[in-house]
Amino acid sequence: MAADTQISAPITDATRERLEKYVRQTGVKKGHLVEQALLHHLQALEELPAELIIHPRIVVSRRTGEALLKQAEAAEPTAALRDLMRHGD
C-alpha cells in the first residue's frame, strides 16, 4: 500500500468549528472527511460544466453588495413563496 501524503491548509475559524462539530457528532475521522470532501469536489470539477459549480462563497464589491441588498429589501414575495412559507411543502 502506498504511503499517504499529509497536507496543510489554512481554514477559517468558522470552518474549523463546523468540521469539529461534525466530527464530534458522527465519529468520522477528520482525515477521512477531508479526503472524501476533496475527492467529491475534484470529481465535480472534472465532470460538471464550470457554470454549474456553485462556490460556497461569492465575493462582490461593497457597491454591488449594497445594490443587491437594496433590491432584496425592495422585492415583494411572489405568490409561490408566500404559499411555501405558509404551508412548508
C-alpha atoms as a PDB file:
ATOM      1  CA  MET A   1       0.000   0.000   0.000  1.00  0.00           C
ATOM      2  CA  ALA A   2       1.319   3.463  -0.924  1.00  0.00           C
ATOM      3  CA  ALA A   3       2.107   5.920   1.838  1.00  0.00           C
ATOM      4  CA  ASP A   4      -0.394   8.711   2.425  1.00  0.00           C
ATOM      5  CA  THR A   5       0.588  12.333   1.930  1.00  0.00           C
ATOM      6  CA  GLN A   6      -0.275  14.875   4.587  1.00  0.00           C
ATOM      7  CA  ILE A   7      -1.405  18.330   3.509  1.00  0.00           C
ATOM      8  CA  SER A   8      -1.720  21.547   5.442  1.00  0.00           C
ATOM      9  CA  ALA A   9      -4.051  24.378   4.542  1.00  0.00           C
ATOM     10  CA  PRO A  10      -5.250  27.436   6.411  1.00  0.00           C
ATOM     11  CA  ILE A  11      -9.013  27.495   7.059  1.00  0.00           C
ATOM     12  CA  THR A  12     -11.261  29.992   8.817  1.00  0.00           C
ATOM     13  CA  ASP A  13     -12.240  29.551  12.439  1.00  0.00           C
ATOM     14  CA  ALA A  14     -15.855  29.098  11.312  1.00  0.00           C
ATOM     15  CA  THR A  15     -14.904  26.228   9.003  1.00  0.00           C
ATOM     16  CA  ARG A  16     -12.788  24.604  11.712  1.00  0.00           C
ATOM     17  CA  GLU A  17     -15.689  24.833  14.170  1.00  0.00           C
ATOM     18  CA  ARG A  18     -18.067  23.232  11.654  1.00  0.00           C
ATOM     19  CA  LEU A  19     -15.537  20.471  10.954  1.00  0.00           C
ATOM     20  CA  GLU A  20     -15.011  19.735  14.629  1.00  0.00           C
ATOM     21  CA  LYS A  21     -18.753  19.759  15.352  1.00  0.00           C
ATOM     22  CA  TYR A  22     -19.395  17.275  12.539  1.00  0.00           C
ATOM     23  CA  VAL A  23     -16.565  15.019  13.694  1.00  0.00           C
ATOM     24  CA  ARG A  24     -17.896  15.034  17.273  1.00  0.00           C
ATOM     25  CA  GLN A  25     -21.449  14.283  16.144  1.00  0.00           C
ATOM     26  CA  THR A  26     -20.622  11.495  13.706  1.00  0.00           C
ATOM     27  CA  GLY A  27     -17.364   9.986  14.925  1.00  0.00           C
ATOM     28  CA  VAL A  28     -15.903  10.315  11.417  1.00  0.00           C
ATOM     29  CA  LYS A  29     -12.163  10.965  11.450  1.00  0.00           C
ATOM     30  CA  LYS A  30     -11.084  14.395  10.213  1.00  0.00           C
ATOM     31  CA  GLY A  31      -8.674  12.948   7.686  1.00  0.00           C
ATOM     32  CA  HIS A  32     -11.365  10.714   6.192  1.00  0.00           C
ATOM     33  CA  LEU A  33     -13.835  13.582   5.981  1.00  0.00           C
ATOM     34  CA  VAL A  34     -11.311  15.878   4.292  1.00  0.00           C
ATOM     35  CA  GLU A  35     -10.280  13.122   1.857  1.00  0.00           C
ATOM     36  CA  GLN A  36     -13.886  12.389   0.895  1.00  0.00           C
ATOM     37  CA  ALA A  37     -14.784  16.075   0.565  1.00  0.00           C
ATOM     38  CA  LEU A  38     -11.752  16.755  -1.613  1.00  0.00           C
ATOM     39  CA  LEU A  39     -12.452  13.745  -3.837  1.00  0.00           C
ATOM     40  CA  HIS A  40     -16.097  14.796  -4.170  1.00  0.00           C
ATOM     41  CA  HIS A  41     -15.161  18.355  -5.088  1.00  0.00           C
ATOM     42  CA  LEU A  42     -12.487  17.310  -7.586  1.00  0.00           C
ATOM     43  CA  GLN A  43     -14.867  14.854  -9.238  1.00  0.00           C
ATOM     44  CA  ALA A  44     -17.494  17.584  -9.589  1.00  0.00           C
ATOM     45  CA  LEU A  45     -14.919  19.932 -11.121  1.00  0.00           C
ATOM     46  CA  GLU A  46     -13.895  17.246 -13.616  1.00  0.00           C
ATOM     47  CA  GLU A  47     -17.368  16.062 -14.592  1.00  0.00           C
ATOM     48  CA  LEU A  48     -19.627  19.114 -14.440  1.00  0.00           C
ATOM     49  CA  PRO A  49     -19.575  22.174 -16.667  1.00  0.00           C
ATOM     50  CA  ALA A  50     -17.937  25.099 -14.864  1.00  0.00           C
ATOM     51  CA  GLU A  51     -21.149  27.161 -14.924  1.00  0.00           C
ATOM     52  CA  LEU A  52     -22.911  24.520 -12.799  1.00  0.00           C
ATOM     53  CA  ILE A  53     -20.389  24.680  -9.958  1.00  0.00           C
ATOM     54  CA  ILE A  54     -21.747  26.848  -7.160  1.00  0.00           C
ATOM     55  CA  HIS A  55     -18.959  28.075  -4.907  1.00  0.00           C
ATOM     56  CA  PRO A  56     -19.705  28.301  -1.167  1.00  0.00           C
ATOM     57  CA  ARG A  57     -18.547  31.916  -1.054  1.00  0.00           C
ATOM     58  CA  ILE A  58     -19.096  34.601  -3.617  1.00  0.00           C
ATOM     59  CA  VAL A  59     -17.143  37.833  -3.213  1.00  0.00           C
ATOM     60  CA  VAL A  60     -18.617  41.049  -4.557  1.00  0.00           C
ATOM     61  CA  SER A  61     -17.625  44.666  -4.157  1.00  0.00           C
ATOM     62  CA  ARG A  62     -19.233  46.766  -1.440  1.00  0.00           C
ATOM     63  CA  ARG A  63     -21.095  48.691  -4.129  1.00  0.00           C
ATOM     64  CA  THR A  64     -22.515  45.509  -5.656  1.00  0.00           C
ATOM     65  CA  GLY A  65     -23.372  44.117  -2.216  1.00  0.00           C
ATOM     66  CA  GLU A  66     -25.248  47.275  -1.292  1.00  0.00           C
ATOM     67  CA  ALA A  67     -27.138  47.200  -4.612  1.00  0.00           C
ATOM     68  CA  LEU A  68     -28.099  43.549  -4.051  1.00  0.00           C
ATOM     69  CA  LEU A  69     -29.266  44.306  -0.518  1.00  0.00           C
ATOM     70  CA  LYS A  70     -31.335  47.249  -1.735  1.00  0.00           C
ATOM     71  CA  GLN A  71     -33.002  45.049  -4.374  1.00  0.00           C
ATOM     72  CA  ALA A  72     -33.708  42.289  -1.853  1.00  0.00           C
ATOM     73  CA  GLU A  73     -35.237  44.695   0.653  1.00  0.00           C
ATOM     74  CA  ALA A  74     -37.458  46.275  -2.018  1.00  0.00           C
ATOM     75  CA  ALA A  75     -38.619  42.968  -3.551  1.00  0.00           C
ATOM     76  CA  GLU A  76     -42.126  41.713  -2.936  1.00  0.00           C
ATOM     77  CA  PRO A  77     -42.550  37.996  -2.237  1.00  0.00           C
ATOM     78  CA  THR A  78     -44.164  36.002  -5.017  1.00  0.00           C
ATOM     79  CA  ALA A  79     -47.377  34.062  -4.504  1.00  0.00           C
ATOM     80  CA  ALA A  80     -45.381  30.825  -4.698  1.00  0.00           C
ATOM     81  CA  LEU A  81     -43.024  31.976  -1.939  1.00  0.00           C
ATOM     82  CA  ARG A  82     -45.917  33.081   0.284  1.00  0.00           C
ATOM     83  CA  ASP A  83     -47.601  29.709  -0.269  1.00  0.00           C
ATOM     84  CA  LEU A  84     -44.383  27.842   0.520  1.00  0.00           C
ATOM     85  CA  MET A  85     -43.853  29.791   3.738  1.00  0.00           C
ATOM     86  CA  ARG A  86     -47.460  29.259   4.751  1.00  0.00           C
ATOM     87  CA  HIS A  87     -47.588  25.512   4.062  1.00  0.00           C
ATOM     88  CA  GLY A  88     -43.950  24.398   4.095  1.00  0.00           C
ATOM     89  CA  ASP A  89     -44.301  21.928   1.197  1.00  0.00           C
END
